[in-house]
PDB file of N, CA and C in Angstrom:
ATOM      1  N   MET A   1     -35.986 -24.662  -4.637  1.00  0.00           N
ATOM      2  CA  MET A   1     -37.162 -24.124  -5.274  1.00  0.00           C
ATOM      3  C   MET A   1     -37.190 -24.608  -6.716  1.00  0.00           C
ATOM      4  N   ARG A   2     -38.359 -24.921  -7.168  1.00  0.00           N
ATOM      5  CA  ARG A   2     -38.531 -25.381  -8.540  1.00  0.00           C
ATOM      6  C   ARG A   2     -39.376 -24.355  -9.286  1.00  0.00           C
ATOM      7  N   HIS A   3     -38.961 -24.037 -10.494  1.00  0.00           N
ATOM      8  CA  HIS A   3     -39.688 -23.068 -11.325  1.00  0.00           C
ATOM      9  C   HIS A   3     -39.668 -23.554 -12.763  1.00  0.00           C
ATOM     10  N   ARG A   4     -40.806 -23.525 -13.407  1.00  0.00           N
ATOM     11  CA  ARG A   4     -40.904 -23.932 -14.812  1.00  0.00           C
ATOM     12  C   ARG A   4     -41.447 -22.789 -15.644  1.00  0.00           C
ATOM     13  N   ARG A   5     -40.974 -22.738 -16.871  1.00  0.00           N
ATOM     14  CA  ARG A   5     -41.485 -21.749 -17.821  1.00  0.00           C
ATOM     15  C   ARG A   5     -41.384 -22.368 -19.209  1.00  0.00           C
ATOM     16  N   GLN A   6     -42.474 -22.360 -19.918  1.00  0.00           N
ATOM     17  CA  GLN A   6     -42.489 -22.921 -21.256  1.00  0.00           C
ATOM     18  C   GLN A   6     -41.887 -21.912 -22.230  1.00  0.00           C
ATOM     19  N   MET A   7     -41.027 -22.394 -23.103  1.00  0.00           N
ATOM     20  CA  MET A   7     -40.376 -21.525 -24.078  1.00  0.00           C
ATOM     21  C   MET A   7     -40.537 -22.146 -25.458  1.00  0.00           C
ATOM     22  N   ARG A   8     -40.677 -21.291 -26.448  1.00  0.00           N
ATOM     23  CA  ARG A   8     -40.837 -21.755 -27.827  1.00  0.00           C
ATOM     24  C   ARG A   8     -39.474 -21.754 -28.523  1.00  0.00           C
ATOM     25  N   VAL A   9     -39.140 -22.879 -29.140  1.00  0.00           N
ATOM     26  CA  VAL A   9     -37.925 -22.961 -29.932  1.00  0.00           C
ATOM     27  C   VAL A   9     -38.251 -22.408 -31.317  1.00  0.00           C
ATOM     28  N   ARG A  10     -37.545 -21.389 -31.700  1.00  0.00           N
ATOM     29  CA  ARG A  10     -37.786 -20.726 -32.987  1.00  0.00           C
ATOM     30  C   ARG A  10     -36.750 -21.185 -34.024  1.00  0.00           C
ATOM     31  N   PHE A  11     -37.059 -20.929 -35.277  1.00  0.00           N
ATOM     32  CA  PHE A  11     -36.195 -21.336 -36.378  1.00  0.00           C
ATOM     33  C   PHE A  11     -34.757 -20.852 -36.176  1.00  0.00           C
ATOM     34  N   GLY A  12     -34.572 -19.623 -35.754  1.00  0.00           N
ATOM     35  CA  GLY A  12     -33.246 -19.059 -35.568  1.00  0.00           C
ATOM     36  C   GLY A  12     -32.466 -19.632 -34.396  1.00  0.00           C
ATOM     37  N   HIS A  13     -33.101 -20.411 -33.564  1.00  0.00           N
ATOM     38  CA  HIS A  13     -32.425 -21.035 -32.429  1.00  0.00           C
ATOM     39  C   HIS A  13     -31.706 -22.322 -32.830  1.00  0.00           C
ATOM     40  N   THR A  14     -31.947 -22.797 -34.040  1.00  0.00           N
ATOM     41  CA  THR A  14     -31.419 -24.100 -34.457  1.00  0.00           C
ATOM     42  C   THR A  14     -30.423 -23.960 -35.605  1.00  0.00           C
ATOM     43  N   ASP A  15     -29.650 -25.021 -35.790  1.00  0.00           N
ATOM     44  CA  ASP A  15     -28.727 -25.076 -36.922  1.00  0.00           C
ATOM     45  C   ASP A  15     -29.449 -25.748 -38.096  1.00  0.00           C
ATOM     46  N   PRO A  16     -28.754 -25.928 -39.240  1.00  0.00           N
ATOM     47  CA  PRO A  16     -29.421 -26.543 -40.396  1.00  0.00           C
ATOM     48  C   PRO A  16     -29.959 -27.952 -40.138  1.00  0.00           C
ATOM     49  N   ALA A  17     -29.416 -28.643 -39.140  1.00  0.00           N
ATOM     50  CA  ALA A  17     -29.925 -29.983 -38.806  1.00  0.00           C
ATOM     51  C   ALA A  17     -31.109 -29.910 -37.857  1.00  0.00           C
ATOM     52  N   ARG A  18     -31.566 -28.695 -37.557  1.00  0.00           N
ATOM     53  CA  ARG A  18     -32.696 -28.438 -36.666  1.00  0.00           C
ATOM     54  C   ARG A  18     -32.396 -28.853 -35.219  1.00  0.00           C
ATOM     55  N   ILE A  19     -31.134 -28.738 -34.829  1.00  0.00           N
ATOM     56  CA  ILE A  19     -30.706 -28.986 -33.445  1.00  0.00           C
ATOM     57  C   ILE A  19     -30.427 -27.627 -32.819  1.00  0.00           C
ATOM     58  N   VAL A  20     -30.904 -27.429 -31.599  1.00  0.00           N
ATOM     59  CA  VAL A  20     -30.717 -26.147 -30.922  1.00  0.00           C
ATOM     60  C   VAL A  20     -29.228 -25.869 -30.758  1.00  0.00           C
ATOM     61  N   TYR A  21     -28.825 -24.671 -31.161  1.00  0.00           N
ATOM     62  CA  TYR A  21     -27.444 -24.231 -31.023  1.00  0.00           C
ATOM     63  C   TYR A  21     -27.147 -24.094 -29.531  1.00  0.00           C
ATOM     64  N   TYR A  22     -26.121 -24.780 -29.028  1.00  0.00           N
ATOM     65  CA  TYR A  22     -25.915 -24.958 -27.595  1.00  0.00           C
ATOM     66  C   TYR A  22     -25.868 -23.679 -26.767  1.00  0.00           C
ATOM     67  N   PRO A  23     -25.308 -22.544 -27.238  1.00  0.00           N
ATOM     68  CA  PRO A  23     -25.315 -21.356 -26.370  1.00  0.00           C
ATOM     69  C   PRO A  23     -26.723 -20.840 -26.057  1.00  0.00           C
ATOM     70  N   ARG A  24     -27.705 -21.212 -26.866  1.00  0.00           N
ATOM     71  CA  ARG A  24     -29.081 -20.782 -26.606  1.00  0.00           C
ATOM     72  C   ARG A  24     -29.575 -21.283 -25.254  1.00  0.00           C
ATOM     73  N   PHE A  25     -29.148 -22.467 -24.852  1.00  0.00           N
ATOM     74  CA  PHE A  25     -29.584 -22.999 -23.562  1.00  0.00           C
ATOM     75  C   PHE A  25     -29.182 -22.066 -22.431  1.00  0.00           C
ATOM     76  N   PHE A  26     -27.979 -21.522 -22.475  1.00  0.00           N
ATOM     77  CA  PHE A  26     -27.525 -20.619 -21.418  1.00  0.00           C
ATOM     78  C   PHE A  26     -28.300 -19.303 -21.456  1.00  0.00           C
ATOM     79  N   GLU A  27     -28.640 -18.855 -22.642  1.00  0.00           N
ATOM     80  CA  GLU A  27     -29.500 -17.674 -22.769  1.00  0.00           C
ATOM     81  C   GLU A  27     -30.866 -17.954 -22.143  1.00  0.00           C
ATOM     82  N   TRP A  28     -31.411 -19.121 -22.430  1.00  0.00           N
ATOM     83  CA  TRP A  28     -32.717 -19.491 -21.864  1.00  0.00           C
ATOM     84  C   TRP A  28     -32.640 -19.669 -20.359  1.00  0.00           C
ATOM     85  N   PHE A  29     -31.559 -20.253 -19.840  1.00  0.00           N
ATOM     86  CA  PHE A  29     -31.395 -20.390 -18.392  1.00  0.00           C
ATOM     87  C   PHE A  29     -31.451 -19.014 -17.734  1.00  0.00           C
ATOM     88  N   HIS A  30     -30.760 -18.048 -18.336  1.00  0.00           N
ATOM     89  CA  HIS A  30     -30.744 -16.690 -17.791  1.00  0.00           C
ATOM     90  C   HIS A  30     -32.134 -16.054 -17.863  1.00  0.00           C
ATOM     91  N   ASP A  31     -32.830 -16.237 -18.978  1.00  0.00           N
ATOM     92  CA  ASP A  31     -34.182 -15.688 -19.121  1.00  0.00           C
ATOM     93  C   ASP A  31     -35.134 -16.265 -18.080  1.00  0.00           C
ATOM     94  N   VAL A  32     -35.065 -17.562 -17.861  1.00  0.00           N
ATOM     95  CA  VAL A  32     -35.953 -18.208 -16.891  1.00  0.00           C
ATOM     96  C   VAL A  32     -35.598 -17.778 -15.472  1.00  0.00           C
ATOM     97  N   PHE A  33     -34.318 -17.607 -15.190  1.00  0.00           N
ATOM     98  CA  PHE A  33     -33.907 -17.117 -13.872  1.00  0.00           C
ATOM     99  C   PHE A  33     -34.555 -15.762 -13.591  1.00  0.00           C
ATOM    100  N   GLY A  34     -34.501 -14.857 -14.563  1.00  0.00           N
ATOM    101  CA  GLY A  34     -35.125 -13.552 -14.398  1.00  0.00           C
ATOM    102  C   GLY A  34     -36.634 -13.634 -14.289  1.00  0.00           C
ATOM    103  N   SER A  35     -37.260 -14.494 -15.072  1.00  0.00           N
ATOM    104  CA  SER A  35     -38.720 -14.619 -15.021  1.00  0.00           C
ATOM    105  C   SER A  35     -39.194 -15.203 -13.700  1.00  0.00           C
ATOM    106  N   MET A  36     -38.332 -15.985 -13.045  1.00  0.00           N
ATOM    107  CA  MET A  36     -38.701 -16.565 -11.762  1.00  0.00           C
ATOM    108  C   MET A  36     -39.037 -15.474 -10.746  1.00  0.00           C
ATOM    109  N   PHE A  37     -38.294 -14.395 -10.760  1.00  0.00           N
ATOM    110  CA  PHE A  37     -38.556 -13.312  -9.810  1.00  0.00           C
ATOM    111  C   PHE A  37     -39.925 -12.690 -10.059  1.00  0.00           C
ATOM    112  N   GLU A  38     -40.298 -12.556 -11.320  1.00  0.00           N
ATOM    113  CA  GLU A  38     -41.613 -12.006 -11.646  1.00  0.00           C
ATOM    114  C   GLU A  38     -42.721 -12.983 -11.286  1.00  0.00           C
ATOM    115  N   ASP A  39     -42.560 -14.245 -11.686  1.00  0.00           N
ATOM    116  CA  ASP A  39     -43.614 -15.247 -11.494  1.00  0.00           C
ATOM    117  C   ASP A  39     -43.794 -15.666 -10.041  1.00  0.00           C
ATOM    118  N   VAL A  40     -42.693 -15.795  -9.317  1.00  0.00           N
ATOM    119  CA  VAL A  40     -42.746 -16.314  -7.949  1.00  0.00           C
ATOM    120  C   VAL A  40     -42.814 -15.188  -6.920  1.00  0.00           C
ATOM    121  N   PHE A  41     -42.006 -14.144  -7.096  1.00  0.00           N
ATOM    122  CA  PHE A  41     -41.899 -13.092  -6.089  1.00  0.00           C
ATOM    123  C   PHE A  41     -42.622 -11.798  -6.459  1.00  0.00           C
ATOM    124  N   GLY A  42     -43.088 -11.708  -7.717  1.00  0.00           N
ATOM    125  CA  GLY A  42     -43.797 -10.507  -8.146  1.00  0.00           C
ATOM    126  C   GLY A  42     -42.906  -9.294  -8.306  1.00  0.00           C
ATOM    127  N   MET A  43     -41.618  -9.510  -8.534  1.00  0.00           N
ATOM    128  CA  MET A  43     -40.655  -8.412  -8.709  1.00  0.00           C
ATOM    129  C   MET A  43     -39.833  -8.675  -9.960  1.00  0.00           C
ATOM    130  N   HIS A  44     -39.447  -7.608 -10.643  1.00  0.00           N
ATOM    131  CA  HIS A  44     -38.510  -7.745 -11.750  1.00  0.00           C
ATOM    132  C   HIS A  44     -37.118  -7.955 -11.166  1.00  0.00           C
ATOM    133  N   TYR A  45     -36.322  -8.770 -11.839  1.00  0.00           N
ATOM    134  CA  TYR A  45     -34.969  -9.029 -11.345  1.00  0.00           C
ATOM    135  C   TYR A  45     -34.156  -7.731 -11.262  1.00  0.00           C
ATOM    136  N   ALA A  46     -34.374  -6.813 -12.198  1.00  0.00           N
ATOM    137  CA  ALA A  46     -33.671  -5.526 -12.152  1.00  0.00           C
ATOM    138  C   ALA A  46     -33.995  -4.762 -10.872  1.00  0.00           C
ATOM    139  N   ASP A  47     -35.235  -4.870 -10.383  1.00  0.00           N
ATOM    140  CA  ASP A  47     -35.609  -4.207  -9.134  1.00  0.00           C
ATOM    141  C   ASP A  47     -34.921  -4.852  -7.939  1.00  0.00           C
ATOM    142  N   VAL A  48     -34.757  -6.160  -7.988  1.00  0.00           N
ATOM    143  CA  VAL A  48     -34.037  -6.852  -6.911  1.00  0.00           C
ATOM    144  C   VAL A  48     -32.596  -6.326  -6.855  1.00  0.00           C
ATOM    145  N   LEU A  49     -31.981  -6.186  -8.022  1.00  0.00           N
ATOM    146  CA  LEU A  49     -30.605  -5.680  -8.070  1.00  0.00           C
ATOM    147  C   LEU A  49     -30.513  -4.224  -7.635  1.00  0.00           C
ATOM    148  N   ASN A  50     -31.380  -3.385  -8.190  1.00  0.00           N
ATOM    149  CA  ASN A  50     -31.267  -1.942  -7.972  1.00  0.00           C
ATOM    150  C   ASN A  50     -31.855  -1.447  -6.656  1.00  0.00           C
ATOM    151  N   GLN A  51     -32.980  -1.993  -6.248  1.00  0.00           N
ATOM    152  CA  GLN A  51     -33.642  -1.512  -5.032  1.00  0.00           C
ATOM    153  C   GLN A  51     -33.202  -2.270  -3.790  1.00  0.00           C
ATOM    154  N   ARG A  52     -33.135  -3.580  -3.900  1.00  0.00           N
ATOM    155  CA  ARG A  52     -32.743  -4.400  -2.739  1.00  0.00           C
ATOM    156  C   ARG A  52     -31.234  -4.534  -2.608  1.00  0.00           C
ATOM    157  N   ARG A  53     -30.536  -4.206  -3.717  1.00  0.00           N
ATOM    158  CA  ARG A  53     -29.074  -4.301  -3.736  1.00  0.00           C
ATOM    159  C   ARG A  53     -28.602  -5.728  -3.466  1.00  0.00           C
ATOM    160  N   VAL A  54     -29.342  -6.702  -4.031  1.00  0.00           N
ATOM    161  CA  VAL A  54     -28.999  -8.113  -3.892  1.00  0.00           C
ATOM    162  C   VAL A  54     -28.799  -8.669  -5.295  1.00  0.00           C
ATOM    163  N   GLY A  55     -27.711  -9.395  -5.500  1.00  0.00           N
ATOM    164  CA  GLY A  55     -27.441  -9.998  -6.796  1.00  0.00           C
ATOM    165  C   GLY A  55     -27.131 -11.474  -6.669  1.00  0.00           C
ATOM    166  N   PHE A  56     -27.210 -12.155  -7.749  1.00  0.00           N
ATOM    167  CA  PHE A  56     -26.957 -13.592  -7.793  1.00  0.00           C
ATOM    168  C   PHE A  56     -26.025 -13.875  -8.965  1.00  0.00           C
ATOM    169  N   PRO A  57     -24.744 -13.562  -8.825  1.00  0.00           N
ATOM    170  CA  PRO A  57     -23.824 -13.744  -9.946  1.00  0.00           C
ATOM    171  C   PRO A  57     -23.600 -15.226 -10.264  1.00  0.00           C
ATOM    172  N   ALA A  58     -23.470 -15.506 -11.538  1.00  0.00           N
ATOM    173  CA  ALA A  58     -23.133 -16.866 -11.965  1.00  0.00           C
ATOM    174  C   ALA A  58     -21.623 -17.022 -11.838  1.00  0.00           C
ATOM    175  N   VAL A  59     -21.209 -17.876 -10.942  1.00  0.00           N
ATOM    176  CA  VAL A  59     -19.786 -18.082 -10.692  1.00  0.00           C
ATOM    177  C   VAL A  59     -19.252 -19.217 -11.556  1.00  0.00           C
ATOM    178  N   GLN A  60     -20.073 -20.237 -11.737  1.00  0.00           N
ATOM    179  CA  GLN A  60     -19.686 -21.369 -12.573  1.00  0.00           C
ATOM    180  C   GLN A  60     -20.943 -21.887 -13.258  1.00  0.00           C
ATOM    181  N   VAL A  61     -20.819 -22.180 -14.532  1.00  0.00           N
ATOM    182  CA  VAL A  61     -21.953 -22.684 -15.295  1.00  0.00           C
ATOM    183  C   VAL A  61     -21.493 -23.892 -16.097  1.00  0.00           C
ATOM    184  N   ALA A  62     -22.276 -24.950 -16.056  1.00  0.00           N
ATOM    185  CA  ALA A  62     -21.963 -26.153 -16.827  1.00  0.00           C
ATOM    186  C   ALA A  62     -23.263 -26.801 -17.276  1.00  0.00           C
ATOM    187  N   CYS A  63     -23.179 -27.533 -18.351  1.00  0.00           N
ATOM    188  CA  CYS A  63     -24.366 -28.210 -18.855  1.00  0.00           C
ATOM    189  C   CYS A  63     -23.918 -29.495 -19.545  1.00  0.00           C
ATOM    190  N   GLU A  64     -24.582 -30.584 -19.258  1.00  0.00           N
ATOM    191  CA  GLU A  64     -24.293 -31.853 -19.914  1.00  0.00           C
ATOM    192  C   GLU A  64     -25.475 -32.194 -20.801  1.00  0.00           C
ATOM    193  N   PHE A  65     -25.212 -32.367 -22.076  1.00  0.00           N
ATOM    194  CA  PHE A  65     -26.268 -32.641 -23.043  1.00  0.00           C
ATOM    195  C   PHE A  65     -26.427 -34.145 -23.217  1.00  0.00           C
ATOM    196  N   LYS A  66     -27.609 -34.648 -22.935  1.00  0.00           N
ATOM    197  CA  LYS A  66     -27.886 -36.079 -23.012  1.00  0.00           C
ATOM    198  C   LYS A  66     -28.306 -36.505 -24.404  1.00  0.00           C
ATOM    199  N   ARG A  67     -28.944 -35.590 -25.140  1.00  0.00           N
ATOM    200  CA  ARG A  67     -29.377 -35.887 -26.524  1.00  0.00           C
ATOM    201  C   ARG A  67     -29.698 -34.561 -27.210  1.00  0.00           C
ATOM    202  N   PRO A  68     -29.763 -34.561 -28.535  1.00  0.00           N
ATOM    203  CA  PRO A  68     -30.084 -33.328 -29.256  1.00  0.00           C
ATOM    204  C   PRO A  68     -31.474 -32.805 -28.891  1.00  0.00           C
ATOM    205  N   ALA A  69     -31.602 -31.520 -28.934  1.00  0.00           N
ATOM    206  CA  ALA A  69     -32.898 -30.899 -28.660  1.00  0.00           C
ATOM    207  C   ALA A  69     -33.366 -30.156 -29.902  1.00  0.00           C
TER     208      ALA A  69
END
């Protein structure tokens, strides 16, 4: 499944060189994962966890940076 969500890079997301601080990407990945349930399935991710009793734990996370963002 493919899901896209546009996000705004804010001043506080970057370092003095105006490059996104790398942990922000993982925060954004998590935010988009949660928004996917709302946008695609019409449910909040918290409802999936609490009502359906289904979770999607992150077991391993990796990211390769090709260039500064």
